[in-house]
Amino acid sequence: MFFVDTGGWIAMAVRRDRFHKKAASYYQKLSKQNISLVTSNYVLSETLTRIRYDDGHAKALQFNSLIQEAIKVGRLRLEWVTPTIHQEAWKIFEAYEDHEFSLVDCASFVVARQIGAKEVFGFDEHFYTMGFILKP
């Protein structure tokens, strides 16, 4: 099971992203291997916001349609950040003053741990700090 972070989604969705080819190729590989993907509502919120700002409203709507279809066909599981997860994320945020973790990063760490993911599809090196394997 892979947790998909914002950077992975953006790299797949935005052709001009410097990691687009790498991300698109890796996503295809995961699809062929039928590997389960999981993301969070916080990650999707961050991703949709970034796509909206950088590529426009229509591109954000298109991306959301693809995500909803992936959920519908069972290719992607969406985990909702609950108040408990949020509080755990906040504890990490407070404890790591020396790292530039966002609250979304911290919530992602918590969700990824809860689902038992060891690997993260993304490009944010903060995941290394928390003991995850970052792919591709």
N, C-alpha and C. Protein backbone atom coordinates (compact mmCIF):
# COMPACT_ATOMS: atom_id res chain seq x y z
N MET A 1 0.84 -1.17 0.00
CA MET A 1 0.00 0.00 0.00
C MET A 1 0.89 1.25 0.00
N PHE A 2 0.60 2.17 -0.88
CA PHE A 2 1.36 3.41 -1.02
C PHE A 2 0.52 4.60 -0.58
N PHE A 3 1.13 5.49 0.15
CA PHE A 3 0.50 6.77 0.44
C PHE A 3 0.95 7.73 -0.65
N VAL A 4 0.02 8.47 -1.22
CA VAL A 4 0.36 9.44 -2.27
C VAL A 4 0.30 10.83 -1.68
N ASP A 5 1.42 11.53 -1.78
CA ASP A 5 1.55 12.88 -1.24
C ASP A 5 1.25 13.91 -2.33
N THR A 6 1.10 15.14 -1.92
CA THR A 6 0.79 16.25 -2.81
C THR A 6 1.74 16.32 -4.00
N GLY A 7 3.02 16.21 -3.75
CA GLY A 7 4.01 16.30 -4.83
C GLY A 7 3.81 15.24 -5.90
N GLY A 8 3.41 14.05 -5.49
CA GLY A 8 3.14 12.99 -6.45
C GLY A 8 1.95 13.32 -7.33
N TRP A 9 0.88 13.81 -6.69
CA TRP A 9 -0.31 14.17 -7.47
C TRP A 9 -0.01 15.32 -8.43
N ILE A 10 0.66 16.34 -7.94
CA ILE A 10 0.94 17.50 -8.79
C ILE A 10 1.84 17.10 -9.96
N ALA A 11 2.85 16.31 -9.67
CA ALA A 11 3.76 15.88 -10.74
C ALA A 11 3.02 15.07 -11.81
N MET A 12 2.06 14.27 -11.41
CA MET A 12 1.28 13.51 -12.39
C MET A 12 0.33 14.40 -13.17
N ALA A 13 -0.27 15.37 -12.51
CA ALA A 13 -1.33 16.18 -13.13
C ALA A 13 -0.81 17.34 -13.98
N VAL A 14 0.35 17.85 -13.65
CA VAL A 14 0.85 19.06 -14.31
C VAL A 14 2.02 18.70 -15.23
N ARG A 15 1.77 18.74 -16.51
CA ARG A 15 2.78 18.33 -17.50
C ARG A 15 4.08 19.12 -17.42
N ARG A 16 4.01 20.36 -17.03
CA ARG A 16 5.24 21.17 -16.97
C ARG A 16 6.00 21.00 -15.66
N ASP A 17 5.47 20.20 -14.74
CA ASP A 17 6.19 19.92 -13.50
C ASP A 17 7.49 19.18 -13.84
N ARG A 18 8.56 19.51 -13.14
CA ARG A 18 9.87 18.91 -13.47
C ARG A 18 9.91 17.41 -13.23
N PHE A 19 8.99 16.88 -12.45
CA PHE A 19 8.95 15.45 -12.18
C PHE A 19 7.83 14.73 -12.93
N HIS A 20 7.18 15.42 -13.87
CA HIS A 20 6.00 14.85 -14.52
C HIS A 20 6.26 13.49 -15.16
N LYS A 21 7.27 13.40 -16.01
CA LYS A 21 7.52 12.13 -16.72
C LYS A 21 7.82 11.01 -15.73
N LYS A 22 8.62 11.31 -14.74
CA LYS A 22 8.98 10.32 -13.73
C LYS A 22 7.74 9.86 -12.96
N ALA A 23 6.90 10.80 -12.56
CA ALA A 23 5.70 10.49 -11.79
C ALA A 23 4.68 9.72 -12.63
N ALA A 24 4.46 10.15 -13.85
CA ALA A 24 3.49 9.48 -14.73
C ALA A 24 3.93 8.05 -15.00
N SER A 25 5.20 7.85 -15.26
CA SER A 25 5.73 6.51 -15.50
C SER A 25 5.58 5.63 -14.27
N TYR A 26 5.87 6.19 -13.11
CA TYR A 26 5.78 5.43 -11.88
C TYR A 26 4.33 5.07 -11.55
N TYR A 27 3.43 6.00 -11.78
CA TYR A 27 2.01 5.74 -11.54
C TYR A 27 1.53 4.59 -12.43
N GLN A 28 1.96 4.58 -13.69
CA GLN A 28 1.59 3.50 -14.61
C GLN A 28 2.11 2.16 -14.10
N LYS A 29 3.34 2.17 -13.58
CA LYS A 29 3.93 0.95 -13.03
C LYS A 29 3.10 0.44 -11.85
N LEU A 30 2.73 1.33 -10.95
CA LEU A 30 1.90 0.94 -9.80
C LEU A 30 0.55 0.40 -10.26
N SER A 31 -0.02 1.03 -11.28
CA SER A 31 -1.32 0.59 -11.80
C SER A 31 -1.23 -0.82 -12.36
N LYS A 32 -0.19 -1.08 -13.11
CA LYS A 32 -0.01 -2.42 -13.70
C LYS A 32 0.17 -3.48 -12.62
N GLN A 33 0.78 -3.11 -11.50
CA GLN A 33 1.01 -4.04 -10.41
C GLN A 33 -0.19 -4.11 -9.46
N ASN A 34 -1.22 -3.34 -9.76
CA ASN A 34 -2.44 -3.32 -8.95
C ASN A 34 -2.17 -2.95 -7.49
N ILE A 35 -1.28 -2.01 -7.27
CA ILE A 35 -0.93 -1.59 -5.92
C ILE A 35 -1.95 -0.57 -5.43
N SER A 36 -2.42 -0.78 -4.20
CA SER A 36 -3.41 0.12 -3.61
C SER A 36 -2.77 1.46 -3.26
N LEU A 37 -3.49 2.51 -3.59
CA LEU A 37 -3.04 3.87 -3.29
C LEU A 37 -3.98 4.49 -2.26
N VAL A 38 -3.40 5.26 -1.37
CA VAL A 38 -4.16 5.95 -0.33
C VAL A 38 -3.67 7.38 -0.27
N THR A 39 -4.58 8.29 -0.07
CA THR A 39 -4.23 9.69 0.16
C THR A 39 -5.20 10.23 1.19
N SER A 40 -5.00 11.47 1.59
CA SER A 40 -5.90 12.07 2.57
C SER A 40 -6.63 13.28 2.00
N ASN A 41 -7.70 13.65 2.68
CA ASN A 41 -8.43 14.84 2.26
C ASN A 41 -7.57 16.09 2.39
N TYR A 42 -6.66 16.12 3.37
CA TYR A 42 -5.75 17.27 3.49
C TYR A 42 -4.84 17.36 2.26
N VAL A 43 -4.30 16.22 1.84
CA VAL A 43 -3.43 16.19 0.67
C VAL A 43 -4.20 16.64 -0.57
N LEU A 44 -5.41 16.14 -0.73
CA LEU A 44 -6.20 16.54 -1.90
C LEU A 44 -6.54 18.02 -1.87
N SER A 45 -6.83 18.53 -0.69
CA SER A 45 -7.11 19.96 -0.56
C SER A 45 -5.89 20.79 -0.99
N GLU A 46 -4.74 20.39 -0.49
CA GLU A 46 -3.50 21.09 -0.84
C GLU A 46 -3.22 20.98 -2.34
N THR A 47 -3.42 19.80 -2.90
CA THR A 47 -3.16 19.56 -4.31
C THR A 47 -4.10 20.37 -5.19
N LEU A 48 -5.39 20.31 -4.89
CA LEU A 48 -6.36 21.06 -5.68
C LEU A 48 -6.12 22.56 -5.61
N THR A 49 -5.74 23.03 -4.45
CA THR A 49 -5.44 24.46 -4.30
C THR A 49 -4.24 24.85 -5.16
N ARG A 50 -3.19 24.04 -5.11
CA ARG A 50 -1.98 24.34 -5.89
C ARG A 50 -2.27 24.31 -7.39
N ILE A 51 -3.02 23.28 -7.83
CA ILE A 51 -3.36 23.19 -9.25
C ILE A 51 -4.23 24.38 -9.65
N ARG A 52 -5.17 24.75 -8.82
CA ARG A 52 -6.05 25.90 -9.10
C ARG A 52 -5.24 27.17 -9.27
N TYR A 53 -4.30 27.41 -8.37
CA TYR A 53 -3.49 28.62 -8.44
C TYR A 53 -2.54 28.62 -9.63
N ASP A 54 -1.95 27.47 -9.91
CA ASP A 54 -0.92 27.41 -10.95
C ASP A 54 -1.44 27.12 -12.35
N ASP A 55 -2.54 26.36 -12.46
CA ASP A 55 -3.01 25.93 -13.77
C ASP A 55 -4.47 26.27 -14.06
N GLY A 56 -5.15 26.84 -13.09
CA GLY A 56 -6.51 27.29 -13.34
C GLY A 56 -7.60 26.38 -12.80
N HIS A 57 -8.77 26.95 -12.77
CA HIS A 57 -9.95 26.30 -12.24
C HIS A 57 -10.31 25.04 -13.02
N ALA A 58 -10.30 25.11 -14.34
CA ALA A 58 -10.67 23.96 -15.17
C ALA A 58 -9.75 22.77 -14.91
N LYS A 59 -8.47 23.02 -14.77
CA LYS A 59 -7.51 21.94 -14.52
C LYS A 59 -7.77 21.31 -13.15
N ALA A 60 -8.11 22.12 -12.16
CA ALA A 60 -8.43 21.59 -10.83
C ALA A 60 -9.68 20.72 -10.88
N LEU A 61 -10.69 21.15 -11.62
CA LEU A 61 -11.91 20.36 -11.77
C LEU A 61 -11.62 19.04 -12.48
N GLN A 62 -10.79 19.09 -13.51
CA GLN A 62 -10.41 17.89 -14.24
C GLN A 62 -9.66 16.91 -13.33
N PHE A 63 -8.73 17.44 -12.54
CA PHE A 63 -7.98 16.59 -11.62
C PHE A 63 -8.94 15.94 -10.61
N ASN A 64 -9.85 16.71 -10.06
CA ASN A 64 -10.80 16.15 -9.09
C ASN A 64 -11.65 15.05 -9.72
N SER A 65 -12.05 15.21 -10.96
CA SER A 65 -12.83 14.16 -11.64
C SER A 65 -12.02 12.87 -11.73
N LEU A 66 -10.74 12.98 -12.04
CA LEU A 66 -9.88 11.79 -12.12
C LEU A 66 -9.76 11.11 -10.75
N ILE A 67 -9.62 11.92 -9.71
CA ILE A 67 -9.52 11.39 -8.35
C ILE A 67 -10.81 10.67 -7.96
N GLN A 68 -11.94 11.30 -8.24
CA GLN A 68 -13.23 10.69 -7.89
C GLN A 68 -13.45 9.38 -8.63
N GLU A 69 -13.02 9.32 -9.87
CA GLU A 69 -13.14 8.08 -10.65
C GLU A 69 -12.24 6.99 -10.06
N ALA A 70 -11.02 7.36 -9.66
CA ALA A 70 -10.09 6.39 -9.05
C ALA A 70 -10.66 5.84 -7.74
N ILE A 71 -11.32 6.69 -6.98
CA ILE A 71 -11.97 6.24 -5.74
C ILE A 71 -13.12 5.30 -6.07
N LYS A 72 -13.94 5.69 -7.04
CA LYS A 72 -15.11 4.91 -7.42
C LYS A 72 -14.75 3.50 -7.87
N VAL A 73 -13.66 3.36 -8.63
CA VAL A 73 -13.28 2.03 -9.15
C VAL A 73 -12.38 1.26 -8.18
N GLY A 74 -12.11 1.85 -7.00
CA GLY A 74 -11.33 1.16 -5.99
C GLY A 74 -9.83 1.23 -6.17
N ARG A 75 -9.38 2.10 -7.02
CA ARG A 75 -7.95 2.28 -7.29
C ARG A 75 -7.28 3.14 -6.22
N LEU A 76 -8.10 3.99 -5.59
CA LEU A 76 -7.61 4.93 -4.59
C LEU A 76 -8.54 4.94 -3.39
N ARG A 77 -7.95 4.95 -2.21
CA ARG A 77 -8.73 5.08 -0.98
C ARG A 77 -8.44 6.45 -0.38
N LEU A 78 -9.49 7.15 -0.04
CA LEU A 78 -9.36 8.47 0.57
C LEU A 78 -9.56 8.35 2.07
N GLU A 79 -8.54 8.73 2.82
CA GLU A 79 -8.61 8.74 4.28
C GLU A 79 -8.90 10.16 4.74
N TRP A 80 -9.88 10.31 5.59
CA TRP A 80 -10.25 11.63 6.10
C TRP A 80 -9.49 11.91 7.39
N VAL A 81 -8.94 13.09 7.47
CA VAL A 81 -8.23 13.49 8.69
C VAL A 81 -9.28 13.83 9.74
N THR A 82 -9.29 13.02 10.77
CA THR A 82 -10.24 13.18 11.87
C THR A 82 -9.64 14.14 12.90
N PRO A 83 -10.43 14.56 13.87
CA PRO A 83 -9.87 15.38 14.94
C PRO A 83 -8.70 14.69 15.66
N THR A 84 -8.78 13.37 15.83
CA THR A 84 -7.70 12.63 16.49
C THR A 84 -6.43 12.66 15.65
N ILE A 85 -6.56 12.43 14.36
CA ILE A 85 -5.39 12.50 13.47
C ILE A 85 -4.82 13.90 13.47
N HIS A 86 -5.69 14.89 13.43
CA HIS A 86 -5.24 16.28 13.44
C HIS A 86 -4.43 16.57 14.71
N GLN A 87 -4.89 16.10 15.84
CA GLN A 87 -4.17 16.32 17.11
C GLN A 87 -2.80 15.62 17.10
N GLU A 88 -2.75 14.41 16.57
CA GLU A 88 -1.47 13.71 16.45
C GLU A 88 -0.52 14.47 15.51
N ALA A 89 -1.08 14.98 14.44
CA ALA A 89 -0.28 15.77 13.50
C ALA A 89 0.25 17.03 14.19
N TRP A 90 -0.58 17.64 14.99
CA TRP A 90 -0.16 18.85 15.69
C TRP A 90 0.99 18.57 16.65
N LYS A 91 0.95 17.40 17.30
CA LYS A 91 2.04 17.03 18.21
C LYS A 91 3.36 16.91 17.44
N ILE A 92 3.31 16.32 16.26
CA ILE A 92 4.52 16.21 15.43
C ILE A 92 4.98 17.61 15.02
N PHE A 93 4.03 18.43 14.59
CA PHE A 93 4.34 19.80 14.17
C PHE A 93 5.06 20.56 15.29
N GLU A 94 4.56 20.43 16.51
CA GLU A 94 5.17 21.11 17.66
C GLU A 94 6.55 20.56 17.99
N ALA A 95 6.72 19.26 17.85
CA ALA A 95 7.95 18.60 18.27
C ALA A 95 9.12 18.82 17.32
N TYR A 96 8.84 19.14 16.07
CA TYR A 96 9.90 19.24 15.06
C TYR A 96 10.14 20.69 14.64
N GLU A 97 10.49 21.51 15.60
CA GLU A 97 10.76 22.92 15.33
C GLU A 97 11.89 23.09 14.31
N ASP A 98 12.83 22.16 14.31
CA ASP A 98 14.00 22.26 13.45
C ASP A 98 13.75 21.76 12.02
N HIS A 99 12.53 21.33 11.70
CA HIS A 99 12.18 20.89 10.35
C HIS A 99 11.02 21.75 9.85
N GLU A 100 10.99 21.98 8.57
CA GLU A 100 9.93 22.81 8.00
C GLU A 100 8.75 21.96 7.54
N PHE A 101 8.22 21.15 8.47
CA PHE A 101 7.03 20.36 8.16
C PHE A 101 5.80 21.26 8.15
N SER A 102 4.96 21.08 7.16
CA SER A 102 3.66 21.75 7.20
C SER A 102 2.72 20.88 8.03
N LEU A 103 1.60 21.41 8.40
CA LEU A 103 0.61 20.62 9.14
C LEU A 103 0.09 19.49 8.24
N VAL A 104 -0.03 19.75 6.95
CA VAL A 104 -0.44 18.70 6.02
C VAL A 104 0.59 17.58 6.00
N ASP A 105 1.89 17.94 5.99
CA ASP A 105 2.94 16.92 6.07
C ASP A 105 2.73 16.05 7.30
N CYS A 106 2.54 16.68 8.43
CA CYS A 106 2.41 15.96 9.70
C CYS A 106 1.19 15.05 9.70
N ALA A 107 0.07 15.53 9.16
CA ALA A 107 -1.12 14.69 9.05
C ALA A 107 -0.85 13.52 8.11
N SER A 108 -0.10 13.75 7.07
CA SER A 108 0.25 12.68 6.13
C SER A 108 1.10 11.62 6.82
N PHE A 109 2.03 12.03 7.65
CA PHE A 109 2.84 11.07 8.40
C PHE A 109 1.94 10.17 9.25
N VAL A 110 0.99 10.79 9.93
CA VAL A 110 0.09 10.04 10.82
C VAL A 110 -0.76 9.06 10.01
N VAL A 111 -1.36 9.54 8.94
CA VAL A 111 -2.23 8.67 8.12
C VAL A 111 -1.41 7.54 7.51
N ALA A 112 -0.25 7.86 6.96
CA ALA A 112 0.59 6.82 6.35
C ALA A 112 0.97 5.74 7.36
N ARG A 113 1.28 6.15 8.57
CA ARG A 113 1.60 5.17 9.62
C ARG A 113 0.37 4.32 9.95
N GLN A 114 -0.78 4.96 10.07
CA GLN A 114 -2.00 4.23 10.45
C GLN A 114 -2.39 3.17 9.42
N ILE A 115 -2.15 3.44 8.16
CA ILE A 115 -2.53 2.47 7.13
C ILE A 115 -1.42 1.44 6.89
N GLY A 116 -0.30 1.62 7.57
CA GLY A 116 0.80 0.68 7.43
C GLY A 116 1.66 0.88 6.20
N ALA A 117 1.60 2.07 5.60
CA ALA A 117 2.41 2.35 4.42
C ALA A 117 3.87 2.55 4.83
N LYS A 118 4.74 1.94 4.10
CA LYS A 118 6.17 2.14 4.31
C LYS A 118 6.76 3.02 3.21
N GLU A 119 6.03 3.06 2.08
CA GLU A 119 6.49 3.84 0.94
C GLU A 119 5.50 4.96 0.62
N VAL A 120 6.06 6.06 0.18
CA VAL A 120 5.27 7.24 -0.16
C VAL A 120 5.59 7.63 -1.60
N PHE A 121 4.54 7.83 -2.38
CA PHE A 121 4.69 8.31 -3.75
C PHE A 121 4.66 9.83 -3.68
N GLY A 122 5.81 10.43 -3.85
CA GLY A 122 5.92 11.87 -3.78
C GLY A 122 7.36 12.30 -3.89
N PHE A 123 7.60 13.56 -3.62
CA PHE A 123 8.94 14.11 -3.80
C PHE A 123 9.38 14.94 -2.60
N ASP A 124 8.63 14.88 -1.51
CA ASP A 124 8.92 15.67 -0.32
C ASP A 124 9.86 14.88 0.60
N GLU A 125 11.09 15.33 0.69
CA GLU A 125 12.11 14.61 1.45
C GLU A 125 11.84 14.58 2.95
N HIS A 126 10.85 15.32 3.41
CA HIS A 126 10.48 15.25 4.82
C HIS A 126 10.05 13.85 5.23
N PHE A 127 9.55 13.10 4.27
CA PHE A 127 9.12 11.73 4.59
C PHE A 127 10.30 10.85 5.01
N TYR A 128 11.48 11.13 4.48
CA TYR A 128 12.68 10.39 4.91
C TYR A 128 12.91 10.58 6.41
N THR A 129 12.76 11.81 6.86
CA THR A 129 12.98 12.13 8.27
C THR A 129 12.10 11.28 9.17
N MET A 130 10.90 10.97 8.70
CA MET A 130 9.94 10.20 9.50
C MET A 130 10.03 8.70 9.23
N GLY A 131 11.04 8.28 8.48
CA GLY A 131 11.30 6.85 8.30
C GLY A 131 10.60 6.19 7.13
N PHE A 132 10.04 6.95 6.23
CA PHE A 132 9.38 6.39 5.07
C PHE A 132 10.36 6.28 3.89
N ILE A 133 10.04 5.40 2.97
CA ILE A 133 10.78 5.28 1.72
C ILE A 133 10.04 6.14 0.71
N LEU A 134 10.73 7.03 0.06
CA LEU A 134 10.13 7.95 -0.89
C LEU A 134 10.35 7.41 -2.31
N LYS A 135 9.29 7.33 -3.07
CA LYS A 135 9.36 6.85 -4.45
C LYS A 135 8.72 7.87 -5.37
N PRO A 136 9.00 7.97 -6.63
CA PRO A 136 9.97 7.15 -7.35
C PRO A 136 11.33 7.61 -7.04
